Amino acid sequence: MNAQELVKLIEGLIVVSGLAAIFWALFKNQTTKNVISTQNELIKTLQGQIQAIRDEAADLRNKHIDNEKAISKLQGQVDVYKELPLANLSSAMSELARNQAEILKIIKKK
């Protein structure tokens, strides 16, 4: 091998290695762009899901507050109904006993 052939061989290796480096850089750059694009899409999807969860949590919180108000209202009504019959029960029982006694008197007279 003479010097000229050696120089041409080295030049060929430099050109081939340069082309390989260019192709590698382009491939790596495209892969990186794809990864970044995919990650951006995933981030947008997750942000949408987070917002949906926040909205649902707010709705559930409002429903919870409404349910607590309804429970409180019903509890007040239950308390009123509990006290109402107990207050009138003794007088109703007394009146019932009087009515039964009158009925027995009427029956005995016949």
N, C-alpha and C. Protein backbone atom coordinates (compact mmCIF):
# COMPACT_ATOMS: atom_id res chain seq x y z
N MET A 1 0.83 -1.17 0.00
CA MET A 1 0.00 0.00 0.00
C MET A 1 0.89 1.24 0.00
N ASN A 2 0.57 2.05 -0.94
CA ASN A 2 1.34 3.28 -0.97
C ASN A 2 0.58 4.37 -0.22
N ALA A 3 1.13 5.52 -0.13
CA ALA A 3 0.60 6.62 0.67
C ALA A 3 -0.72 7.13 0.11
N GLN A 4 -0.83 7.14 -1.22
CA GLN A 4 -2.07 7.63 -1.84
C GLN A 4 -3.25 6.71 -1.52
N GLU A 5 -3.04 5.43 -1.60
CA GLU A 5 -4.11 4.48 -1.27
C GLU A 5 -4.50 4.58 0.19
N LEU A 6 -3.52 4.78 1.02
CA LEU A 6 -3.78 4.92 2.45
C LEU A 6 -4.60 6.17 2.73
N VAL A 7 -4.26 7.28 2.06
CA VAL A 7 -5.00 8.53 2.24
C VAL A 7 -6.43 8.34 1.76
N LYS A 8 -6.62 7.68 0.60
CA LYS A 8 -7.97 7.45 0.08
C LYS A 8 -8.77 6.55 1.02
N LEU A 9 -8.13 5.56 1.62
CA LEU A 9 -8.80 4.68 2.57
C LEU A 9 -9.22 5.46 3.81
N ILE A 10 -8.35 6.29 4.31
CA ILE A 10 -8.67 7.11 5.48
C ILE A 10 -9.80 8.08 5.15
N GLU A 11 -9.72 8.71 3.95
CA GLU A 11 -10.80 9.61 3.54
C GLU A 11 -12.13 8.87 3.46
N GLY A 12 -12.11 7.68 2.90
CA GLY A 12 -13.34 6.87 2.81
C GLY A 12 -13.89 6.53 4.18
N LEU A 13 -12.99 6.17 5.11
CA LEU A 13 -13.43 5.86 6.48
C LEU A 13 -14.01 7.10 7.16
N ILE A 14 -13.39 8.25 6.92
CA ILE A 14 -13.89 9.50 7.51
C ILE A 14 -15.27 9.82 6.95
N VAL A 15 -15.45 9.66 5.63
CA VAL A 15 -16.75 9.94 5.00
C VAL A 15 -17.80 8.97 5.54
N VAL A 16 -17.46 7.68 5.59
CA VAL A 16 -18.42 6.67 6.09
C VAL A 16 -18.76 6.94 7.55
N SER A 17 -17.76 7.23 8.37
CA SER A 17 -18.03 7.50 9.79
C SER A 17 -18.82 8.80 9.95
N GLY A 18 -18.57 9.79 9.11
CA GLY A 18 -19.33 11.04 9.15
C GLY A 18 -20.78 10.81 8.80
N LEU A 19 -21.02 10.02 7.74
CA LEU A 19 -22.40 9.70 7.36
C LEU A 19 -23.10 8.91 8.46
N ALA A 20 -22.38 7.96 9.04
CA ALA A 20 -22.97 7.19 10.13
C ALA A 20 -23.34 8.10 11.30
N ALA A 21 -22.45 9.06 11.60
CA ALA A 21 -22.72 9.99 12.70
C ALA A 21 -23.94 10.86 12.39
N ILE A 22 -24.06 11.29 11.13
CA ILE A 22 -25.22 12.11 10.72
C ILE A 22 -26.51 11.30 10.86
N PHE A 23 -26.50 10.06 10.35
CA PHE A 23 -27.69 9.21 10.46
C PHE A 23 -28.04 8.94 11.93
N TRP A 24 -27.04 8.70 12.75
CA TRP A 24 -27.27 8.44 14.17
C TRP A 24 -27.88 9.67 14.84
N ALA A 25 -27.34 10.85 14.51
CA ALA A 25 -27.86 12.09 15.11
C ALA A 25 -29.31 12.33 14.68
N LEU A 26 -29.60 12.10 13.40
CA LEU A 26 -30.97 12.28 12.92
C LEU A 26 -31.92 11.28 13.58
N PHE A 27 -31.50 10.04 13.69
CA PHE A 27 -32.32 9.02 14.32
C PHE A 27 -32.57 9.36 15.79
N LYS A 28 -31.50 9.72 16.47
CA LYS A 28 -31.61 10.06 17.89
C LYS A 28 -32.50 11.29 18.07
N ASN A 29 -32.35 12.29 17.22
CA ASN A 29 -33.15 13.50 17.30
C ASN A 29 -34.62 13.18 17.08
N GLN A 30 -34.94 12.35 16.09
CA GLN A 30 -36.33 11.98 15.81
C GLN A 30 -36.91 11.18 16.97
N THR A 31 -36.12 10.28 17.52
CA THR A 31 -36.59 9.50 18.66
C THR A 31 -36.87 10.41 19.84
N THR A 32 -36.00 11.35 20.09
CA THR A 32 -36.20 12.30 21.19
C THR A 32 -37.46 13.12 20.97
N LYS A 33 -37.68 13.56 19.74
CA LYS A 33 -38.89 14.33 19.43
C LYS A 33 -40.14 13.48 19.67
N ASN A 34 -40.08 12.22 19.26
CA ASN A 34 -41.22 11.33 19.48
C ASN A 34 -41.50 11.13 20.97
N VAL A 35 -40.45 10.94 21.74
CA VAL A 35 -40.61 10.75 23.19
C VAL A 35 -41.21 12.01 23.81
N ILE A 36 -40.69 13.16 23.44
CA ILE A 36 -41.21 14.43 23.98
C ILE A 36 -42.66 14.62 23.58
N SER A 37 -42.99 14.33 22.35
CA SER A 37 -44.37 14.47 21.87
C SER A 37 -45.31 13.53 22.63
N THR A 38 -44.88 12.30 22.82
CA THR A 38 -45.69 11.32 23.55
C THR A 38 -45.88 11.76 25.00
N GLN A 39 -44.81 12.26 25.61
CA GLN A 39 -44.92 12.71 27.00
C GLN A 39 -45.83 13.93 27.11
N ASN A 40 -45.79 14.83 26.15
CA ASN A 40 -46.69 15.99 26.16
C ASN A 40 -48.14 15.55 26.07
N GLU A 41 -48.43 14.57 25.20
CA GLU A 41 -49.79 14.06 25.09
C GLU A 41 -50.24 13.42 26.39
N LEU A 42 -49.35 12.66 27.02
CA LEU A 42 -49.69 12.03 28.30
C LEU A 42 -49.93 13.08 29.39
N ILE A 43 -49.13 14.11 29.40
CA ILE A 43 -49.30 15.18 30.38
C ILE A 43 -50.65 15.86 30.19
N LYS A 44 -51.01 16.15 28.95
CA LYS A 44 -52.31 16.78 28.68
C LYS A 44 -53.45 15.87 29.10
N THR A 45 -53.33 14.58 28.84
CA THR A 45 -54.36 13.62 29.24
C THR A 45 -54.50 13.58 30.75
N LEU A 46 -53.37 13.52 31.44
CA LEU A 46 -53.40 13.47 32.90
C LEU A 46 -53.95 14.77 33.49
N GLN A 47 -53.62 15.91 32.89
CA GLN A 47 -54.17 17.18 33.37
C GLN A 47 -55.68 17.20 33.20
N GLY A 48 -56.17 16.66 32.09
CA GLY A 48 -57.62 16.56 31.89
C GLY A 48 -58.27 15.67 32.92
N GLN A 49 -57.62 14.55 33.24
CA GLN A 49 -58.16 13.64 34.25
C GLN A 49 -58.14 14.29 35.63
N ILE A 50 -57.08 15.02 35.93
CA ILE A 50 -57.00 15.71 37.21
C ILE A 50 -58.13 16.74 37.33
N GLN A 51 -58.38 17.48 36.28
CA GLN A 51 -59.45 18.47 36.30
C GLN A 51 -60.81 17.79 36.48
N ALA A 52 -60.99 16.66 35.79
CA ALA A 52 -62.25 15.92 35.93
C ALA A 52 -62.44 15.42 37.36
N ILE A 53 -61.36 14.96 37.97
CA ILE A 53 -61.44 14.49 39.36
C ILE A 53 -61.73 15.66 40.29
N ARG A 54 -61.11 16.81 40.04
CA ARG A 54 -61.39 17.99 40.87
C ARG A 54 -62.86 18.41 40.75
N ASP A 55 -63.37 18.40 39.52
CA ASP A 55 -64.77 18.76 39.31
C ASP A 55 -65.70 17.77 40.02
N GLU A 56 -65.38 16.49 39.90
CA GLU A 56 -66.19 15.48 40.57
C GLU A 56 -66.13 15.63 42.08
N ALA A 57 -64.95 15.93 42.61
CA ALA A 57 -64.81 16.14 44.06
C ALA A 57 -65.65 17.33 44.51
N ALA A 58 -65.65 18.40 43.73
CA ALA A 58 -66.46 19.57 44.08
C ALA A 58 -67.94 19.23 44.06
N ASP A 59 -68.37 18.47 43.05
CA ASP A 59 -69.77 18.05 42.98
C ASP A 59 -70.15 17.18 44.18
N LEU A 60 -69.27 16.24 44.50
CA LEU A 60 -69.53 15.36 45.64
C LEU A 60 -69.56 16.14 46.95
N ARG A 61 -68.69 17.15 47.07
CA ARG A 61 -68.68 17.98 48.27
C ARG A 61 -70.01 18.74 48.39
N ASN A 62 -70.50 19.28 47.27
CA ASN A 62 -71.78 19.99 47.30
C ASN A 62 -72.93 19.05 47.64
N LYS A 63 -72.90 17.84 47.07
CA LYS A 63 -73.94 16.86 47.39
C LYS A 63 -73.88 16.48 48.87
N HIS A 64 -72.67 16.36 49.39
CA HIS A 64 -72.50 16.02 50.81
C HIS A 64 -73.10 17.11 51.69
N ILE A 65 -72.84 18.35 51.35
CA ILE A 65 -73.40 19.47 52.12
C ILE A 65 -74.92 19.45 52.05
N ASP A 66 -75.47 19.22 50.85
CA ASP A 66 -76.93 19.15 50.70
C ASP A 66 -77.50 17.99 51.52
N ASN A 67 -76.81 16.85 51.49
CA ASN A 67 -77.27 15.69 52.27
C ASN A 67 -77.23 15.96 53.77
N GLU A 68 -76.19 16.65 54.23
CA GLU A 68 -76.12 16.99 55.65
C GLU A 68 -77.27 17.90 56.05
N LYS A 69 -77.61 18.85 55.18
CA LYS A 69 -78.75 19.74 55.46
C LYS A 69 -80.05 18.94 55.52
N ALA A 70 -80.22 18.03 54.56
CA ALA A 70 -81.44 17.21 54.54
C ALA A 70 -81.52 16.32 55.78
N ILE A 71 -80.39 15.75 56.17
CA ILE A 71 -80.36 14.90 57.37
C ILE A 71 -80.72 15.72 58.60
N SER A 72 -80.18 16.92 58.70
CA SER A 72 -80.48 17.79 59.83
C SER A 72 -81.97 18.12 59.87
N LYS A 73 -82.53 18.43 58.71
CA LYS A 73 -83.96 18.75 58.63
C LYS A 73 -84.80 17.55 59.06
N LEU A 74 -84.45 16.37 58.54
CA LEU A 74 -85.18 15.17 58.91
C LEU A 74 -85.03 14.84 60.39
N GLN A 75 -83.86 15.08 60.94
CA GLN A 75 -83.64 14.81 62.36
C GLN A 75 -84.54 15.71 63.19
N GLY A 76 -84.68 16.97 62.77
CA GLY A 76 -85.58 17.89 63.48
C GLY A 76 -87.02 17.40 63.41
N GLN A 77 -87.43 16.91 62.25
CA GLN A 77 -88.79 16.39 62.12
C GLN A 77 -89.00 15.15 62.98
N VAL A 78 -88.00 14.28 63.02
CA VAL A 78 -88.10 13.08 63.86
C VAL A 78 -88.23 13.48 65.32
N ASP A 79 -87.47 14.46 65.75
CA ASP A 79 -87.55 14.91 67.14
C ASP A 79 -88.94 15.44 67.46
N VAL A 80 -89.51 16.20 66.53
CA VAL A 80 -90.87 16.73 66.75
C VAL A 80 -91.86 15.58 66.84
N TYR A 81 -91.75 14.61 65.93
CA TYR A 81 -92.69 13.50 65.95
C TYR A 81 -92.50 12.62 67.18
N LYS A 82 -91.31 12.52 67.68
CA LYS A 82 -91.07 11.74 68.89
C LYS A 82 -91.77 12.37 70.08
N GLU A 83 -91.65 13.68 70.21
CA GLU A 83 -92.20 14.37 71.37
C GLU A 83 -93.71 14.52 71.29
N LEU A 84 -94.25 14.70 70.11
CA LEU A 84 -95.67 14.94 69.94
C LEU A 84 -96.53 13.80 70.47
N PRO A 85 -96.35 12.57 70.05
CA PRO A 85 -97.21 11.50 70.57
C PRO A 85 -97.00 11.24 72.05
N LEU A 86 -95.81 11.38 72.54
CA LEU A 86 -95.56 11.11 73.96
C LEU A 86 -96.27 12.14 74.84
N ALA A 87 -96.36 13.37 74.37
CA ALA A 87 -97.03 14.40 75.17
C ALA A 87 -98.53 14.15 75.24
N ASN A 88 -99.12 13.64 74.18
CA ASN A 88 -100.56 13.43 74.13
C ASN A 88 -100.97 12.01 74.52
N LEU A 89 -100.01 11.13 74.70
CA LEU A 89 -100.31 9.73 74.95
C LEU A 89 -101.07 9.54 76.26
N SER A 90 -100.64 10.19 77.31
CA SER A 90 -101.29 9.98 78.61
C SER A 90 -102.71 10.50 78.59
N SER A 91 -102.96 11.65 77.99
CA SER A 91 -104.33 12.17 77.94
C SER A 91 -105.20 11.29 77.05
N ALA A 92 -104.64 10.78 75.96
CA ALA A 92 -105.40 9.90 75.07
C ALA A 92 -105.74 8.60 75.77
N MET A 93 -104.82 8.08 76.52
CA MET A 93 -105.07 6.84 77.27
C MET A 93 -106.15 7.05 78.33
N SER A 94 -106.11 8.20 78.98
CA SER A 94 -107.12 8.50 79.99
C SER A 94 -108.50 8.61 79.35
N GLU A 95 -108.55 9.29 78.22
CA GLU A 95 -109.82 9.44 77.52
C GLU A 95 -110.33 8.08 77.04
N LEU A 96 -109.46 7.23 76.57
CA LEU A 96 -109.84 5.89 76.13
C LEU A 96 -110.40 5.08 77.29
N ALA A 97 -109.76 5.18 78.43
CA ALA A 97 -110.23 4.46 79.61
C ALA A 97 -111.62 4.96 80.01
N ARG A 98 -111.86 6.27 79.95
CA ARG A 98 -113.18 6.83 80.28
C ARG A 98 -114.23 6.32 79.29
N ASN A 99 -113.86 6.34 78.01
CA ASN A 99 -114.81 5.87 76.99
C ASN A 99 -115.15 4.40 77.19
N GLN A 100 -114.18 3.60 77.55
CA GLN A 100 -114.43 2.17 77.78
C GLN A 100 -115.34 1.99 78.99
N ALA A 101 -115.09 2.80 79.99
CA ALA A 101 -115.92 2.71 81.19
C ALA A 101 -117.36 3.09 80.86
N GLU A 102 -117.57 4.11 80.07
CA GLU A 102 -118.91 4.52 79.67
C GLU A 102 -119.58 3.43 78.84
N ILE A 103 -118.82 2.82 77.93
CA ILE A 103 -119.37 1.75 77.10
C ILE A 103 -119.80 0.58 77.98
N LEU A 104 -118.98 0.24 78.97
CA LEU A 104 -119.34 -0.86 79.88
C LEU A 104 -120.62 -0.52 80.66
N LYS A 105 -120.75 0.71 81.09
CA LYS A 105 -121.97 1.14 81.82
C LYS A 105 -123.19 1.01 80.94
N ILE A 106 -123.07 1.43 79.68
CA ILE A 106 -124.19 1.35 78.74
C ILE A 106 -124.57 -0.12 78.49
N ILE A 107 -123.57 -0.93 78.34
CA ILE A 107 -123.81 -2.37 78.09
C ILE A 107 -124.51 -3.00 79.30
N LYS A 108 -124.09 -2.64 80.49
CA LYS A 108 -124.68 -3.23 81.71
C LYS A 108 -126.12 -2.77 81.89
N LYS A 109 -126.46 -1.58 81.48
CA LYS A 109 -127.82 -1.07 81.61
C LYS A 109 -128.80 -1.82 80.71
N LYS A 110 -128.35 -2.30 79.62
CA LYS A 110 -129.25 -2.98 78.67
C LYS A 110 -129.51 -4.34 79.14
